[in-house]
PDB file of all heavy atoms in Angstrom:
ATOM      1  N   GLY A   1     131.175  86.627  87.320  1.00  0.00           N
ATOM      2  CA  GLY A   1     131.519  85.207  87.277  1.00  0.00           C
ATOM      3  C   GLY A   1     130.451  84.356  86.616  1.00  0.00           C
ATOM      4  O   GLY A   1     130.342  83.155  86.891  1.00  0.00           O
ATOM      5  N   GLY A   2     129.654  84.955  85.749  1.00  0.00           N
ATOM      6  CA  GLY A   2     128.607  84.215  85.061  1.00  0.00           C
ATOM      7  C   GLY A   2     127.285  84.181  85.802  1.00  0.00           C
ATOM      8  O   GLY A   2     126.281  83.687  85.267  1.00  0.00           O
ATOM      9  N   ALA A   3     127.262  84.719  87.015  1.00  0.00           N
ATOM     10  CA  ALA A   3     126.007  84.749  87.782  1.00  0.00           C
ATOM     11  C   ALA A   3     125.160  85.937  87.350  1.00  0.00           C
ATOM     12  O   ALA A   3     125.680  86.920  86.810  1.00  0.00           O
ATOM     13  CB  ALA A   3     126.308  84.839  89.278  1.00  0.00           C
ATOM     14  N   ILE A   4     123.882  85.877  87.603  1.00  0.00           N
ATOM     15  CA  ILE A   4     123.018  86.995  87.284  1.00  0.00           C
ATOM     16  C   ILE A   4     123.192  88.097  88.328  1.00  0.00           C
ATOM     17  O   ILE A   4     123.617  87.839  89.447  1.00  0.00           O
ATOM     18  CB  ILE A   4     121.533  86.582  87.210  1.00  0.00           C
ATOM     19  CG1 ILE A   4     121.045  86.083  88.574  1.00  0.00           C
ATOM     20  CG2 ILE A   4     121.321  85.531  86.142  1.00  0.00           C
ATOM     21  CD1 ILE A   4     119.560  85.835  88.636  1.00  0.00           C
ATOM     22  N   ARG A   5     122.897  89.334  87.939  1.00  0.00           N
ATOM     23  CA  ARG A   5     122.966  90.449  88.878  1.00  0.00           C
ATOM     24  C   ARG A   5     121.636  90.588  89.598  1.00  0.00           C
ATOM     25  O   ARG A   5     120.602  90.110  89.123  1.00  0.00           O
ATOM     26  CB  ARG A   5     123.296  91.752  88.137  1.00  0.00           C
ATOM     27  CG  ARG A   5     124.675  91.786  87.508  1.00  0.00           C
ATOM     28  CD  ARG A   5     124.883  93.029  86.675  1.00  0.00           C
ATOM     29  NE  ARG A   5     124.750  94.239  87.484  1.00  0.00           N
ATOM     30  CZ  ARG A   5     123.852  95.203  87.241  1.00  0.00           C
ATOM     31  NH1 ARG A   5     123.008  95.087  86.220  1.00  0.00           N
ATOM     32  NH2 ARG A   5     123.799  96.286  87.991  1.00  0.00           N
ATOM     33  N   LEU A   6     121.655  91.234  90.755  1.00  0.00           N
ATOM     34  CA  LEU A   6     120.429  91.454  91.495  1.00  0.00           C
ATOM     35  C   LEU A   6     119.393  92.145  90.629  1.00  0.00           C
ATOM     36  O   LEU A   6     118.204  91.783  90.649  1.00  0.00           O
ATOM     37  CB  LEU A   6     120.721  92.313  92.731  1.00  0.00           C
ATOM     38  CG  LEU A   6     119.543  92.602  93.661  1.00  0.00           C
ATOM     39  CD1 LEU A   6     119.065  91.320  94.339  1.00  0.00           C
ATOM     40  CD2 LEU A   6     119.908  93.655  94.699  1.00  0.00           C
ATOM     41  N   GLU A   7     119.823  93.118  89.824  1.00  0.00           N
ATOM     42  CA  GLU A   7     118.893  93.849  88.967  1.00  0.00           C
ATOM     43  C   GLU A   7     118.226  92.961  87.930  1.00  0.00           C
ATOM     44  O   GLU A   7     117.154  93.294  87.415  1.00  0.00           O
ATOM     45  CB  GLU A   7     119.608  95.012  88.274  1.00  0.00           C
ATOM     46  CG  GLU A   7     119.853  96.222  89.158  1.00  0.00           C
ATOM     47  CD  GLU A   7     121.061  96.071  90.054  1.00  0.00           C
ATOM     48  OE1 GLU A   7     121.686  94.981  90.073  1.00  0.00           O
ATOM     49  OE2 GLU A   7     121.402  97.054  90.756  1.00  0.00           O
ATOM     50  N   ASP A   8     118.865  91.840  87.586  1.00  0.00           N
ATOM     51  CA  ASP A   8     118.265  90.920  86.627  1.00  0.00           C
ATOM     52  C   ASP A   8     117.000  90.267  87.191  1.00  0.00           C
ATOM     53  O   ASP A   8     116.205  89.696  86.429  1.00  0.00           O
ATOM     54  CB  ASP A   8     119.262  89.827  86.229  1.00  0.00           C
ATOM     55  CG  ASP A   8     120.438  90.377  85.437  1.00  0.00           C
ATOM     56  OD1 ASP A   8     120.266  91.408  84.758  1.00  0.00           O
ATOM     57  OD2 ASP A   8     121.542  89.805  85.532  1.00  0.00           O
ATOM     58  N   LEU A   9     116.841  90.337  88.505  1.00  0.00           N
ATOM     59  CA  LEU A   9     115.650  89.784  89.139  1.00  0.00           C
ATOM     60  C   LEU A   9     114.490  90.776  89.176  1.00  0.00           C
ATOM     61  O   LEU A   9     113.375  90.404  89.503  1.00  0.00           O
ATOM     62  CB  LEU A   9     115.974  89.355  90.574  1.00  0.00           C
ATOM     63  CG  LEU A   9     117.012  88.243  90.762  1.00  0.00           C
ATOM     64  CD1 LEU A   9     117.299  88.056  92.236  1.00  0.00           C
ATOM     65  CD2 LEU A   9     116.511  86.934  90.159  1.00  0.00           C
ATOM     66  N   PHE A  10     114.786  92.050  88.868  1.00  0.00           N
ATOM     67  CA  PHE A  10     113.760  93.091  88.970  1.00  0.00           C
ATOM     68  C   PHE A  10     112.638  92.856  87.961  1.00  0.00           C
ATOM     69  O   PHE A  10     112.850  92.348  86.859  1.00  0.00           O
ATOM     70  CB  PHE A  10     114.352  94.472  88.723  1.00  0.00           C
ATOM     71  CG  PHE A  10     115.169  95.006  89.869  1.00  0.00           C
ATOM     72  CD1 PHE A  10     115.530  94.198  90.945  1.00  0.00           C
ATOM     73  CD2 PHE A  10     115.596  96.326  89.879  1.00  0.00           C
ATOM     74  CE1 PHE A  10     116.290  94.702  92.002  1.00  0.00           C
ATOM     75  CE2 PHE A  10     116.353  96.837  90.926  1.00  0.00           C
ATOM     76  CZ  PHE A  10     116.697  96.024  91.993  1.00  0.00           C
ATOM     77  N   GLY A  11     111.436  93.244  88.366  1.00  0.00           N
ATOM     78  CA  GLY A  11     110.283  93.187  87.483  1.00  0.00           C
ATOM     79  C   GLY A  11     109.445  94.437  87.672  1.00  0.00           C
ATOM     80  O   GLY A  11     109.951  95.482  88.075  1.00  0.00           O
ATOM     81  N   ASP A  12     108.164  94.328  87.396  1.00  0.00           N
ATOM     82  CA  ASP A  12     107.261  95.451  87.650  1.00  0.00           C
ATOM     83  C   ASP A  12     107.115  95.653  89.154  1.00  0.00           C
ATOM     84  O   ASP A  12     107.201  94.694  89.930  1.00  0.00           O
ATOM     85  CB  ASP A  12     105.886  95.178  87.032  1.00  0.00           C
ATOM     86  CG  ASP A  12     105.945  95.097  85.510  1.00  0.00           C
ATOM     87  OD1 ASP A  12     106.838  95.735  84.923  1.00  0.00           O
ATOM     88  OD2 ASP A  12     105.099  94.383  84.925  1.00  0.00           O
ATOM     89  N   GLU A  13     106.889  96.884  89.565  1.00  0.00           N
ATOM     90  CA  GLU A  13     106.774  97.177  90.994  1.00  0.00           C
ATOM     91  C   GLU A  13     105.597  96.414  91.608  1.00  0.00           C
ATOM     92  O   GLU A  13     104.504  96.409  91.070  1.00  0.00           O
ATOM     93  CB  GLU A  13     106.600  98.676  91.228  1.00  0.00           C
ATOM     94  CG  GLU A  13     107.850  99.480  90.961  1.00  0.00           C
ATOM     95  CD  GLU A  13     107.767 100.895  91.529  1.00  0.00           C
ATOM     96  OE1 GLU A  13     106.784 101.199  92.232  1.00  0.00           O
ATOM     97  OE2 GLU A  13     108.695 101.686  91.283  1.00  0.00           O
ATOM     98  N   LEU A  14     105.877  95.785  92.736  1.00  0.00           N
ATOM     99  CA  LEU A  14     104.848  95.117  93.509  1.00  0.00           C
ATOM    100  C   LEU A  14     104.474  96.052  94.652  1.00  0.00           C
ATOM    101  O   LEU A  14     105.314  96.352  95.505  1.00  0.00           O
ATOM    102  CB  LEU A  14     105.365  93.781  94.063  1.00  0.00           C
ATOM    103  CG  LEU A  14     104.371  92.939  94.845  1.00  0.00           C
ATOM    104  CD1 LEU A  14     103.240  92.462  93.938  1.00  0.00           C
ATOM    105  CD2 LEU A  14     105.066  91.725  95.471  1.00  0.00           C
ATOM    106  N   LEU A  15     103.251  96.524  94.656  1.00  0.00           N
ATOM    107  CA  LEU A  15     102.861  97.550  95.612  1.00  0.00           C
ATOM    108  C   LEU A  15     102.375  96.997  96.932  1.00  0.00           C
ATOM    109  O   LEU A  15     102.364  97.690  97.937  1.00  0.00           O
ATOM    110  CB  LEU A  15     101.745  98.435  95.011  1.00  0.00           C
ATOM    111  CG  LEU A  15     102.102  99.109  93.686  1.00  0.00           C
ATOM    112  CD1 LEU A  15     100.972 100.012  93.247  1.00  0.00           C
ATOM    113  CD2 LEU A  15     103.399  99.907  93.830  1.00  0.00           C
ATOM    114  N   GLN A  16     101.993  95.718  96.959  1.00  0.00           N
ATOM    115  CA  GLN A  16     101.501  95.157  98.213  1.00  0.00           C
ATOM    116  C   GLN A  16     102.658  94.974  99.180  1.00  0.00           C
ATOM    117  O   GLN A  16     103.809  94.870  98.797  1.00  0.00           O
ATOM    118  CB  GLN A  16     100.807  93.821  97.967  1.00  0.00           C
ATOM    119  CG  GLN A  16     101.773  92.681  97.594  1.00  0.00           C
ATOM    120  CD  GLN A  16     101.038  91.394  97.332  1.00  0.00           C
ATOM    121  OE1 GLN A  16      99.998  91.391  96.699  1.00  0.00           O
ATOM    122  NE2 GLN A  16     101.577  90.301  97.805  1.00  0.00           N
ATOM    123  N   ASP A  17     102.330  94.951 100.452  1.00  0.00           N
ATOM    124  CA  ASP A  17     103.330  94.791 101.494  1.00  0.00           C
ATOM    125  C   ASP A  17     103.218  93.398 102.080  1.00  0.00           C
ATOM    126  O   ASP A  17     102.203  93.052 102.672  1.00  0.00           O
ATOM    127  CB  ASP A  17     103.108  95.842 102.590  1.00  0.00           C
ATOM    128  CG  ASP A  17     104.147  95.779 103.691  1.00  0.00           C
ATOM    129  OD1 ASP A  17     105.186  95.133 103.446  1.00  0.00           O
ATOM    130  OD2 ASP A  17     103.923  96.341 104.764  1.00  0.00           O
ATOM    131  N   GLY A  18     104.252  92.588 101.872  1.00  0.00           N
ATOM    132  CA  GLY A  18     104.215  91.215 102.365  1.00  0.00           C
ATOM    133  C   GLY A  18     104.365  91.129 103.863  1.00  0.00           C
ATOM    134  O   GLY A  18     105.403  90.734 104.372  1.00  0.00           O
ATOM    135  N   VAL A  19     103.333  91.525 104.584  1.00  0.00           N
ATOM    136  CA  VAL A  19     103.412  91.610 106.040  1.00  0.00           C
ATOM    137  C   VAL A  19     103.619  90.271 106.713  1.00  0.00           C
ATOM    138  O   VAL A  19     103.996  90.219 107.887  1.00  0.00           O
ATOM    139  CB  VAL A  19     102.154  92.277 106.621  1.00  0.00           C
ATOM    140  CG1 VAL A  19     102.050  93.716 106.161  1.00  0.00           C
ATOM    141  CG2 VAL A  19     100.900  91.506 106.216  1.00  0.00           C
ATOM    142  N   ALA A  20     103.371  89.179 105.994  1.00  0.00           N
ATOM    143  CA  ALA A  20     103.520  87.873 106.626  1.00  0.00           C
ATOM    144  C   ALA A  20     104.959  87.405 106.668  1.00  0.00           C
ATOM    145  O   ALA A  20     105.275  86.417 107.311  1.00  0.00           O
ATOM    146  CB  ALA A  20     102.670  86.839 105.882  1.00  0.00           C
ATOM    147  N   ALA A  21     105.846  88.099 105.970  1.00  0.00           N
ATOM    148  CA  ALA A  21     107.235  87.652 105.877  1.00  0.00           C
ATOM    149  C   ALA A  21     107.938  87.803 107.209  1.00  0.00           C
ATOM    150  O   ALA A  21     107.700  88.730 107.969  1.00  0.00           O
ATOM    151  CB  ALA A  21     107.981  88.453 104.815  1.00  0.00           C
ATOM    152  N   LEU A  22     108.827  86.870 107.488  1.00  0.00           N
ATOM    153  CA  LEU A  22     109.610  86.900 108.715  1.00  0.00           C
ATOM    154  C   LEU A  22     111.064  86.744 108.357  1.00  0.00           C
ATOM    155  O   LEU A  22     111.432  85.831 107.621  1.00  0.00           O
ATOM    156  CB  LEU A  22     109.193  85.756 109.648  1.00  0.00           C
ATOM    157  CG  LEU A  22     110.071  85.554 110.895  1.00  0.00           C
ATOM    158  CD1 LEU A  22     109.907  86.749 111.829  1.00  0.00           C
ATOM    159  CD2 LEU A  22     109.711  84.259 111.603  1.00  0.00           C
ATOM    160  N   ALA A  23     111.911  87.624 108.843  1.00  0.00           N
ATOM    161  CA  ALA A  23     113.338  87.530 108.596  1.00  0.00           C
ATOM    162  C   ALA A  23     113.980  86.744 109.715  1.00  0.00           C
ATOM    163  O   ALA A  23     113.842  87.094 110.885  1.00  0.00           O
ATOM    164  CB  ALA A  23     113.961  88.919 108.527  1.00  0.00           C
ATOM    165  N   LEU A  24     114.653  85.681 109.368  1.00  0.00           N
ATOM    166  CA  LEU A  24     115.258  84.820 110.370  1.00  0.00           C
ATOM    167  C   LEU A  24     116.761  85.002 110.410  1.00  0.00           C
ATOM    168  O   LEU A  24     117.438  84.856 109.404  1.00  0.00           O
ATOM    169  CB  LEU A  24     114.947  83.350 110.052  1.00  0.00           C
ATOM    170  CG  LEU A  24     113.469  82.970 110.017  1.00  0.00           C
ATOM    171  CD1 LEU A  24     113.330  81.513 109.614  1.00  0.00           C
ATOM    172  CD2 LEU A  24     112.825  83.214 111.365  1.00  0.00           C
ATOM    173  N   PRO A  25     117.350  85.289 111.582  1.00  0.00           N
ATOM    174  CA  PRO A  25     118.801  85.373 111.701  1.00  0.00           C
ATOM    175  C   PRO A  25     119.400  83.987 111.737  1.00  0.00           C
ATOM    176  O   PRO A  25     118.678  82.997 111.886  1.00  0.00           O
ATOM    177  CB  PRO A  25     118.994  86.085 113.052  1.00  0.00           C
ATOM    178  CG  PRO A  25     117.814  85.631 113.842  1.00  0.00           C
ATOM    179  CD  PRO A  25     116.674  85.546 112.847  1.00  0.00           C
ATOM    180  N   CYS A  26     120.686  83.907 111.603  1.00  0.00           N
ATOM    181  CA  CYS A  26     121.350  82.605 111.609  1.00  0.00           C
ATOM    182  C   CYS A  26     121.667  82.172 113.030  1.00  0.00           C
ATOM    183  O   CYS A  26     122.233  82.932 113.804  1.00  0.00           O
ATOM    184  CB  CYS A  26     122.644  82.690 110.796  1.00  0.00           C
ATOM    185  SG  CYS A  26     123.649  81.199 110.951  1.00  0.00           S
ATOM    186  N   VAL A  27     121.315  80.947 113.365  1.00  0.00           N
ATOM    187  CA  VAL A  27     121.727  80.358 114.636  1.00  0.00           C
ATOM    188  C   VAL A  27     122.043  78.895 114.372  1.00  0.00           C
ATOM    189  O   VAL A  27     121.620  78.327 113.380  1.00  0.00           O
ATOM    190  CB  VAL A  27     120.626  80.432 115.718  1.00  0.00           C
ATOM    191  CG1 VAL A  27     120.273  81.861 116.033  1.00  0.00           C
ATOM    192  CG2 VAL A  27     119.402  79.635 115.327  1.00  0.00           C
ATOM    193  N   TYR A  28     122.785  78.278 115.269  1.00  0.00           N
ATOM    194  CA  TYR A  28     123.023  76.849 115.157  1.00  0.00           C
ATOM    195  C   TYR A  28     121.972  76.114 115.954  1.00  0.00           C
ATOM    196  O   TYR A  28     121.596  76.522 117.043  1.00  0.00           O
ATOM    197  CB  TYR A  28     124.418  76.486 115.662  1.00  0.00           C
ATOM    198  CG  TYR A  28     125.471  76.632 114.612  1.00  0.00           C
ATOM    199  CD1 TYR A  28     126.349  77.696 114.636  1.00  0.00           C
ATOM    200  CD2 TYR A  28     125.555  75.717 113.566  1.00  0.00           C
ATOM    201  CE1 TYR A  28     127.307  77.846 113.657  1.00  0.00           C
ATOM    202  CE2 TYR A  28     126.503  75.866 112.580  1.00  0.00           C
ATOM    203  CZ  TYR A  28     127.386  76.925 112.623  1.00  0.00           C
ATOM    204  OH  TYR A  28     128.326  77.074 111.648  1.00  0.00           O
ATOM    205  N   ALA A  29     121.479  75.031 115.424  1.00  0.00           N
ATOM    206  CA  ALA A  29     120.453  74.242 116.086  1.00  0.00           C
ATOM    207  C   ALA A  29     120.558  72.828 115.530  1.00  0.00           C
ATOM    208  O   ALA A  29     121.201  72.600 114.504  1.00  0.00           O
ATOM    209  CB  ALA A  29     119.081  74.818 115.824  1.00  0.00           C
ATOM    210  N   PRO A  30     119.951  71.858 116.200  1.00  0.00           N
ATOM    211  CA  PRO A  30     119.968  70.499 115.672  1.00  0.00           C
ATOM    212  C   PRO A  30     119.418  70.467 114.267  1.00  0.00           C
ATOM    213  O   PRO A  30     118.514  71.234 113.936  1.00  0.00           O
ATOM    214  CB  PRO A  30     119.044  69.744 116.662  1.00  0.00           C
ATOM    215  CG  PRO A  30     119.104  70.531 117.916  1.00  0.00           C
ATOM    216  CD  PRO A  30     119.232  71.971 117.466  1.00  0.00           C
ATOM    217  N   PRO A  31     119.940  69.610 113.401  1.00  0.00           N
ATOM    218  CA  PRO A  31     119.467  69.538 112.015  1.00  0.00           C
ATOM    219  C   PRO A  31     117.951  69.447 111.944  1.00  0.00           C
ATOM    220  O   PRO A  31     117.315  68.675 112.652  1.00  0.00           O
ATOM    221  CB  PRO A  31     120.142  68.261 111.495  1.00  0.00           C
ATOM    222  CG  PRO A  31     121.387  68.150 112.309  1.00  0.00           C
ATOM    223  CD  PRO A  31     121.001  68.643 113.679  1.00  0.00           C
ATOM    224  N   GLY A  32     117.376  70.272 111.062  1.00  0.00           N
ATOM    225  CA  GLY A  32     115.945  70.237 110.851  1.00  0.00           C
ATOM    226  C   GLY A  32     115.132  71.053 111.831  1.00  0.00           C
ATOM    227  O   GLY A  32     113.920  71.142 111.714  1.00  0.00           O
ATOM    228  N   ARG A  33     115.784  71.691 112.819  1.00  0.00           N
ATOM    229  CA  ARG A  33     115.022  72.411 113.831  1.00  0.00           C
ATOM    230  C   ARG A  33     115.392  73.884 113.923  1.00  0.00           C
ATOM    231  O   ARG A  33     114.857  74.603 114.774  1.00  0.00           O
ATOM    232  CB  ARG A  33     115.220  71.768 115.210  1.00  0.00           C
ATOM    233  CG  ARG A  33     114.696  70.356 115.310  1.00  0.00           C
ATOM    234  CD  ARG A  33     114.419  69.980 116.750  1.00  0.00           C
ATOM    235  NE  ARG A  33     113.330  70.772 117.298  1.00  0.00           N
ATOM    236  CZ  ARG A  33     113.200  71.032 118.607  1.00  0.00           C
ATOM    237  NH1 ARG A  33     114.105  70.605 119.460  1.00  0.00           N
ATOM    238  NH2 ARG A  33     112.184  71.746 119.040  1.00  0.00           N
ATOM    239  N   ALA A  34     116.300  74.368 113.076  1.00  0.00           N
ATOM    240  CA  ALA A  34     116.735  75.764 113.193  1.00  0.00           C
ATOM    241  C   ALA A  34     115.585  76.734 113.020  1.00  0.00           C
ATOM    242  O   ALA A  34     115.367  77.625 113.838  1.00  0.00           O
ATOM    243  CB  ALA A  34     117.837  76.066 112.159  1.00  0.00           C
ATOM    244  N   ASN A  35     114.791  76.561 111.943  1.00  0.00           N
ATOM    245  CA  ASN A  35     113.666  77.470 111.722  1.00  0.00           C
ATOM    246  C   ASN A  35     112.628  77.358 112.832  1.00  0.00           C
ATOM    247  O   ASN A  35     112.045  78.343 113.267  1.00  0.00           O
ATOM    248  CB  ASN A  35     113.004  77.164 110.375  1.00  0.00           C
ATOM    249  CG  ASN A  35     113.782  77.748 109.227  1.00  0.00           C
ATOM    250  OD1 ASN A  35     114.718  78.506 109.419  1.00  0.00           O
ATOM    251  ND2 ASN A  35     113.393  77.399 108.011  1.00  0.00           N
ATOM    252  N   GLU A  36     112.408  76.131 113.294  1.00  0.00           N
ATOM    253  CA  GLU A  36     111.427  75.902 114.358  1.00  0.00           C
ATOM    254  C   GLU A  36     111.827  76.648 115.626  1.00  0.00           C
ATOM    255  O   GLU A  36     111.014  77.348 116.250  1.00  0.00           O
ATOM    256  CB  GLU A  36     111.341  74.404 114.628  1.00  0.00           C
ATOM    257  CG  GLU A  36     110.403  74.029 115.763  1.00  0.00           C
ATOM    258  CD  GLU A  36     110.454  72.540 116.029  1.00  0.00           C
ATOM    259  OE1 GLU A  36     110.788  71.762 115.118  1.00  0.00           O
ATOM    260  OE2 GLU A  36     110.132  72.151 117.169  1.00  0.00           O
ATOM    261  N   ILE A  37     113.106  76.534 115.997  1.00  0.00           N
ATOM    262  CA  ILE A  37     113.587  77.178 117.212  1.00  0.00           C
ATOM    263  C   ILE A  37     113.570  78.680 117.081  1.00  0.00           C
ATOM    264  O   ILE A  37     113.152  79.411 117.987  1.00  0.00           O
ATOM    265  CB  ILE A  37     115.003  76.673 117.547  1.00  0.00           C
ATOM    266  CG1 ILE A  37     114.925  75.195 117.999  1.00  0.00           C
ATOM    267  CG2 ILE A  37     115.651  77.520 118.636  1.00  0.00           C
ATOM    268  CD1 ILE A  37     116.251  74.540 118.183  1.00  0.00           C
ATOM    269  N   MET A  38     114.008  79.201 115.903  1.00  0.00           N
ATOM    270  CA  MET A  38     114.037  80.648 115.713  1.00  0.00           C
ATOM    271  C   MET A  38     112.633  81.225 115.683  1.00  0.00           C
ATOM    272  O   MET A  38     112.370  82.294 116.234  1.00  0.00           O
ATOM    273  CB  MET A  38     114.788  80.988 114.429  1.00  0.00           C
ATOM    274  CG  MET A  38     116.287  80.781 114.542  1.00  0.00           C
ATOM    275  SD  MET A  38     117.186  81.319 113.070  1.00  0.00           S
ATOM    276  CE  MET A  38     116.762  80.057 111.923  1.00  0.00           C
ATOM    277  N   ALA A  39     111.699  80.512 115.041  1.00  0.00           N
ATOM    278  CA  ALA A  39     110.331  81.003 114.978  1.00  0.00           C
ATOM    279  C   ALA A  39     109.714  81.046 116.372  1.00  0.00           C
ATOM    280  O   ALA A  39     109.015  81.983 116.733  1.00  0.00           O
ATOM    281  CB  ALA A  39     109.491  80.115 114.058  1.00  0.00           C
TER     282      ALA A  39
END
């Protein structure tokens, strides 16, 4: 549909491990506070 493919985002391998990353699930919360509550 004119969008780029996931592979179009690929680059050179990044060997470091982004240990600081946090995966947040979806929840409902008051506007502006979803990330705060999940964290």
